[in-house]
Each structure stands twice: as structure tokens, then as C-alpha cells.
Amino acid sequence: MSIPFFQVDAFTDKAFSGNPAAVCPLESWLHDSQLQAIAAENNLAETAFFVPKDGEYHIRWFTPTVEVDLCGHATLASAAIVLRHLEPHRQKVIFQSQSGPLIVSRAGDRLALDFPTRPVEEVTLTPAMIAALGGKPIKAFKGVRDYVVTYKSAEEIRALTPDMDKIAAIGPFAVTAPGTKADGDVDFVSRYFAPAEGIPEDPVTGSAHCSLAPYWSQVLGKTEMRARQVSARGGDLWLRLRGDRIDIEGQAVLVIQGELFL
């Protein structure tokens, strides 16, 4: 048995940057153990699987070790495959997911994800968090899934060398700071760590911006922002808040196409 396989670099306009996602269109669902085994074999931050139904698609996302309930870059990658390769006549695609319907639309040379926001509330910045992340964090917040920890500068964010074992014991972290001209006049920068989910550092994390954007919107008094994730690969996101929804725009580049054999 073989299934189509695509690897897409998301949130970038250049190959070998952004966040690579594997995309596997299916005619019907495989057993969960097979989906997880494929994701482990791919060994990327996320592998997306989707199945067509009634003009829409049902989508699921797997890290090398677990299934997750929301993923931005692999949804962007999946939409790029649907809208540019499988159904190029379409202007948008609807993915049904554990987090509800997710609409992805064409937006010039970018694609726009319509995602739910995940606002954060301030929590105590504990000694364990500081020991896990390093540097001199200012405040800590918690959303549905992620901790968001703020720092003074982008330089501090780049210089962090977190203790992954300690992070794994607490939970996924997005660390963030104001942007600079050196980062292309972005409003804020971030990095993201989720070692307990098989992702020591995620290159570009669309879903984390469901929490980062509401936070920075309050700080900056803006509903439209540009963000950059300053991982080694790096990536760019354009954000627009609409009440309890957020548009996350980004580019995507196909780098590998082939077949996966089972």
C-alpha cells in the first residue's frame, strides 16, 4: 500500500527555512498506531493527515510521539497541498478538527488560517520555570495548552539555552519579547519548546500565536501585528485578531513530493 507524501516548509518563502511539515492525504483513516508510526518515521515536528468528506477535509496532527489538538504550520502546509496541487481551482478549504472547523483561504502569495484564540492569564513565575528556561524572565502566563513567558529583549530570547528535561516536567513554553528593526520591524518575537511532545524546539509555531497575539494585542493596543519566530530556521507570521478568532497568514514552499509505502 502506498499513500502520497509531501514535505512543506511553512511560514517561509524559502526552502530549508520555516517549519517543515509532512502532509499525507488519505482516502480513509488508517489505524491510530499506523498514523503515529508514520509520524515517528518522518521525525518532523508534525505530520498532518487528512481525509475528504462532503467537500471538506477532516484533519489530524501527530508529533513523533503524540497526537495534538491544534497545529498551525501543518494546517498551513496541508492547505498549500490542497489549494495548489489537489484542487487548485478552490479559493479556500475547510478542515474539520479536534479544535473545530479551521478555514484556510488564499491571501495573495500567502495563505490565511482562521483559528480560535487562546487567551492567557498571568500566573506565578516560579523558580522551576526560571531554572528550566534560563535568562531573566519578567512574567509568566498560561493559556489552554502553553505557558507564555516574557523577556525584555529579542537578544535574550535568542541567547536562551533551556533545560529540556526541566521544561518537559512543566509543560510547553512560548517565550517572547518585543521585536526590533533587526528582525524586520516585527511587533514581537518568540521561540517555542515542547520536549514532552517530542519537539525540543519547534521552528515556527502557528498555534502558539493563538495565545501570543492576544497577549501582545493588549500590550501594544493593536489588532494587526507581524511576528517572527527566532529559531535557527526562523519564520514569519502576519496576525489579525477578530474577537475570539485570529487570522494567521504565512507562506509555504513544497520541498519534497513522493510516496510513502506501508
Protein backbone atom coordinates (compact mmCIF):
# COMPACT_ATOMS: atom_id res chain seq x y z
CA MET A 1 0.00 0.00 0.00
CA SER A 2 1.26 3.49 -0.80
CA ILE A 3 -0.02 6.96 0.08
CA PRO A 4 1.00 10.38 -1.29
CA PHE A 5 3.67 12.19 0.71
CA PHE A 6 4.56 15.88 0.69
CA GLN A 7 7.00 17.84 2.81
CA VAL A 8 6.30 21.55 3.02
CA ASP A 9 8.29 24.33 4.69
CA ALA A 10 5.68 26.54 6.35
CA PHE A 11 5.79 30.21 7.36
CA THR A 12 8.57 30.95 4.89
CA ASP A 13 9.03 31.74 1.22
CA LYS A 14 12.36 29.87 1.01
CA ALA A 15 13.13 26.16 1.11
CA PHE A 16 15.03 24.89 4.14
CA SER A 17 13.70 27.55 6.49
CA GLY A 18 10.42 27.94 8.35
CA ASN A 19 8.88 24.83 9.86
CA PRO A 20 8.87 21.57 7.86
CA ALA A 21 5.65 19.55 7.99
CA ALA A 22 4.82 16.23 6.43
CA VAL A 23 1.44 16.03 4.71
CA CYS A 24 -0.23 12.71 3.90
CA PRO A 25 -3.60 12.86 2.10
CA LEU A 26 -5.64 9.71 2.77
CA GLU A 27 -8.75 8.20 1.20
CA SER A 28 -9.82 6.81 4.58
CA TRP A 29 -8.35 6.72 8.06
CA LEU A 30 -5.59 4.31 8.95
CA HIS A 31 -5.37 2.83 12.44
CA ASP A 32 -4.09 5.30 15.03
CA SER A 33 -1.00 3.18 15.60
CA GLN A 34 -0.13 3.44 11.90
CA LEU A 35 -0.61 7.22 11.91
CA GLN A 36 1.69 7.54 14.92
CA ALA A 37 4.26 5.21 13.37
CA ILE A 38 4.33 7.27 10.17
CA ALA A 39 4.81 10.46 12.19
CA ALA A 40 7.65 8.84 14.14
CA GLU A 41 9.25 7.69 10.89
CA ASN A 42 9.01 11.20 9.43
CA ASN A 43 10.52 12.60 12.65
CA LEU A 44 9.31 16.13 11.96
CA ALA A 45 7.58 18.39 14.46
CA GLU A 46 4.24 17.46 12.88
CA THR A 47 2.77 15.11 10.31
CA ALA A 48 -0.71 16.05 9.10
CA PHE A 49 -3.20 13.50 7.77
CA PHE A 50 -6.49 14.44 6.17
CA VAL A 51 -9.46 12.62 4.66
CA PRO A 52 -12.03 14.20 2.30
CA LYS A 53 -15.69 14.30 3.30
CA ASP A 54 -18.60 16.27 1.78
CA GLY A 55 -16.39 18.88 0.13
CA GLU A 56 -14.32 19.41 3.27
CA TYR A 57 -11.46 17.55 4.93
CA HIS A 58 -11.05 16.01 8.35
CA ILE A 59 -7.51 16.67 9.64
CA ARG A 60 -5.36 15.21 12.41
CA TRP A 61 -1.83 16.10 13.52
CA PHE A 62 0.86 13.92 15.09
CA THR A 63 4.26 14.76 16.53
CA PRO A 64 6.81 11.91 16.58
CA THR A 65 5.32 10.81 19.92
CA VAL A 66 1.72 12.10 20.38
CA GLU A 67 -1.39 13.40 18.64
CA VAL A 68 -2.10 17.11 19.23
CA ASP A 69 -5.37 19.04 19.18
CA LEU A 70 -4.22 22.06 17.12
CA CYS A 71 -1.29 22.77 14.80
CA GLY A 72 -0.75 25.86 12.70
CA HIS A 73 2.19 25.08 10.44
CA ALA A 74 0.95 21.61 9.42
CA THR A 75 -2.51 23.05 8.67
CA LEU A 76 -0.87 25.73 6.53
CA ALA A 77 1.16 23.02 4.79
CA SER A 78 -1.95 20.88 4.24
CA ALA A 79 -3.86 23.82 2.78
CA ALA A 80 -0.95 24.53 0.42
CA ILE A 81 -1.20 20.96 -0.89
CA VAL A 82 -5.00 21.12 -1.32
CA LEU A 83 -5.15 24.59 -2.88
CA ARG A 84 -2.05 24.35 -5.07
CA HIS A 85 -1.93 20.67 -6.04
CA LEU A 86 -5.09 18.67 -5.32
CA GLU A 87 -7.79 21.31 -6.00
CA PRO A 88 -6.13 24.42 -7.47
CA HIS A 89 -9.49 25.88 -8.54
CA ARG A 90 -10.55 26.42 -4.92
CA GLN A 91 -10.16 29.69 -3.05
CA LYS A 92 -10.43 28.19 0.42
CA VAL A 93 -10.54 24.87 2.21
CA ILE A 94 -12.30 23.84 5.43
CA PHE A 95 -10.59 21.37 7.77
CA GLN A 96 -12.71 19.76 10.48
CA SER A 97 -10.56 19.12 13.55
CA GLN A 98 -10.49 18.49 17.29
CA SER A 99 -10.45 22.29 17.64
CA GLY A 100 -13.48 22.81 15.41
CA PRO A 101 -13.65 23.94 11.77
CA LEU A 102 -10.48 25.62 10.52
CA ILE A 103 -10.78 27.64 7.31
CA VAL A 104 -7.72 28.41 5.20
CA SER A 105 -8.07 30.97 2.41
CA ARG A 106 -5.84 32.37 -0.28
CA ALA A 107 -4.36 35.76 0.63
CA GLY A 108 -2.18 36.86 -2.28
CA ASP A 109 1.08 34.94 -2.08
CA ARG A 110 0.18 33.88 1.45
CA LEU A 111 -2.44 31.60 2.99
CA ALA A 112 -4.62 32.75 5.89
CA LEU A 113 -5.56 30.39 8.73
CA ASP A 114 -8.79 31.18 10.60
CA PHE A 115 -8.03 29.82 14.09
CA PRO A 116 -9.57 30.19 17.56
CA THR A 117 -7.77 32.46 20.00
CA ARG A 118 -6.40 31.00 23.23
CA PRO A 119 -6.02 33.97 25.60
CA VAL A 120 -3.64 33.73 28.55
CA GLU A 121 -3.89 34.70 32.20
CA GLU A 122 -0.98 35.70 34.40
CA VAL A 123 0.37 33.01 36.72
CA THR A 124 3.22 32.90 39.21
CA LEU A 125 6.66 32.84 37.63
CA THR A 126 8.16 30.01 39.66
CA PRO A 127 11.80 29.17 40.40
CA ALA A 128 11.26 25.93 38.46
CA MET A 129 10.25 27.89 35.35
CA ILE A 130 13.27 30.18 35.65
CA ALA A 131 15.59 27.19 36.08
CA ALA A 132 14.04 25.47 33.05
CA LEU A 133 14.22 28.44 30.70
CA GLY A 134 17.22 30.42 31.91
CA GLY A 135 17.85 34.11 31.45
CA LYS A 136 15.86 36.74 33.31
CA PRO A 137 12.16 36.24 32.55
CA ILE A 138 9.76 39.01 33.53
CA LYS A 139 6.28 37.46 33.74
CA ALA A 140 4.52 34.14 33.13
CA PHE A 141 1.08 33.47 31.67
CA LYS A 142 -0.94 30.32 30.96
CA GLY A 143 -3.34 29.53 28.15
CA VAL A 144 -5.27 26.40 27.21
CA ARG A 145 -2.07 24.49 26.44
CA ASP A 146 1.02 26.69 26.59
CA TYR A 147 2.86 28.78 29.11
CA VAL A 148 3.87 32.18 27.75
CA VAL A 149 6.90 33.76 29.41
CA THR A 150 8.03 37.29 28.62
CA TYR A 151 11.56 38.68 28.39
CA LYS A 152 12.94 42.19 27.94
CA SER A 153 14.64 41.78 24.55
CA ALA A 154 14.89 39.68 21.41
CA GLU A 155 18.59 39.22 22.17
CA GLU A 156 17.69 37.45 25.42
CA ILE A 157 15.26 35.18 23.57
CA ARG A 158 17.92 34.18 21.06
CA ALA A 159 20.51 33.52 23.77
CA LEU A 160 18.36 31.10 25.79
CA THR A 161 19.66 27.53 26.18
CA PRO A 162 16.77 25.87 28.04
CA ASP A 163 16.98 22.70 30.09
CA MET A 164 14.69 20.41 28.08
CA ASP A 165 14.24 17.86 30.87
CA LYS A 166 13.04 20.59 33.23
CA ILE A 167 10.73 22.07 30.58
CA ALA A 168 9.26 18.62 29.88
CA ALA A 169 8.33 18.31 33.56
CA ILE A 170 6.31 21.56 33.48
CA GLY A 171 4.74 21.95 30.02
CA PRO A 172 5.14 23.58 26.62
CA PHE A 173 6.59 27.10 26.71
CA ALA A 174 6.43 30.02 24.33
CA VAL A 175 8.99 32.69 25.24
CA THR A 176 8.53 36.16 23.79
CA ALA A 177 9.86 39.70 23.70
CA PRO A 178 9.31 42.93 21.72
CA GLY A 179 10.56 42.92 18.14
CA THR A 180 13.40 45.04 16.80
CA LYS A 181 14.43 46.61 13.49
CA ALA A 182 16.98 43.80 13.15
CA ASP A 183 14.06 41.38 12.97
CA GLY A 184 12.38 43.33 10.18
CA ASP A 185 10.33 45.74 12.32
CA VAL A 186 8.15 42.93 13.64
CA ASP A 187 5.93 43.62 16.64
CA PHE A 188 7.25 40.70 18.67
CA VAL A 189 9.50 37.66 18.53
CA SER A 190 9.21 34.24 20.11
CA ARG A 191 10.62 30.74 20.49
CA TYR A 192 8.70 27.58 21.42
CA PHE A 193 9.71 24.47 23.38
CA ALA A 194 7.65 21.26 23.81
CA PRO A 195 10.08 18.40 24.59
CA ALA A 196 7.41 16.30 26.33
CA GLU A 197 5.58 16.14 22.98
CA GLY A 198 8.68 15.10 21.06
CA ILE A 199 9.53 18.66 19.94
CA PRO A 200 12.54 20.09 21.83
CA GLU A 201 12.26 23.36 19.88
CA ASP A 202 9.62 23.96 17.23
CA PRO A 203 10.94 26.17 14.41
CA VAL A 204 7.68 28.12 13.84
CA THR A 205 4.52 27.52 15.87
CA GLY A 206 1.29 28.85 14.42
CA SER A 207 -0.89 27.57 17.25
CA ALA A 208 1.23 29.30 19.92
CA HIS A 209 0.32 32.61 18.29
CA CYS A 210 -3.30 31.94 19.25
CA SER A 211 -2.05 32.88 22.74
CA LEU A 212 0.83 35.21 21.85
CA ALA A 213 -1.28 37.51 19.67
CA PRO A 214 -3.99 38.24 22.30
CA TYR A 215 -1.26 38.99 24.84
CA TRP A 216 0.65 41.37 22.56
CA SER A 217 -2.59 42.95 21.33
CA GLN A 218 -3.30 44.11 24.88
CA VAL A 219 0.28 45.30 25.41
CA LEU A 220 0.57 47.15 22.09
CA GLY A 221 -3.04 48.22 21.61
CA LYS A 222 -3.11 46.69 18.12
CA THR A 223 -5.21 44.01 16.44
CA GLU A 224 -2.94 43.62 13.40
CA MET A 225 0.64 42.54 14.02
CA ARG A 226 3.62 40.92 12.39
CA ALA A 227 5.61 38.34 14.31
CA ARG A 228 8.84 36.42 13.83
CA GLN A 229 9.84 33.17 15.48
CA VAL A 230 13.60 33.40 16.01
CA SER A 231 14.51 29.72 15.99
CA ALA A 232 17.53 28.59 13.98
CA ARG A 233 15.31 28.17 10.87
CA GLY A 234 13.12 31.20 11.58
CA GLY A 235 9.72 32.10 10.21
CA ASP A 236 7.30 35.00 9.68
CA LEU A 237 3.63 35.36 10.57
CA TRP A 238 1.06 38.08 9.87
CA LEU A 239 -1.67 38.24 12.53
CA ARG A 240 -5.13 39.80 12.70
CA LEU A 241 -7.38 39.45 15.75
CA ARG A 242 -11.16 39.27 15.23
CA GLY A 243 -12.79 38.81 18.61
CA ASP A 244 -12.32 35.19 19.62
CA ARG A 245 -10.78 34.29 16.23
CA ILE A 246 -7.41 35.06 14.71
CA ASP A 247 -6.16 35.15 11.13
CA ILE A 248 -2.64 33.78 10.90
CA GLU A 249 -1.09 34.37 7.49
CA GLY A 250 2.06 32.78 6.17
CA GLN A 251 3.79 31.44 3.11
CA ALA A 252 4.61 27.81 2.29
CA VAL A 253 7.09 26.06 0.00
CA LEU A 254 6.89 22.47 -1.25
CA VAL A 255 10.30 20.78 -0.92
CA ILE A 256 9.64 17.02 -1.25
CA GLN A 257 6.97 15.01 -3.06
CA GLY A 258 6.70 11.26 -3.34
CA GLU A 259 5.04 8.13 -1.96
CA LEU A 260 5.08 6.50 1.44
CA PHE A 261 4.89 2.71 1.45
CA LEU A 262 3.20 0.69 4.17
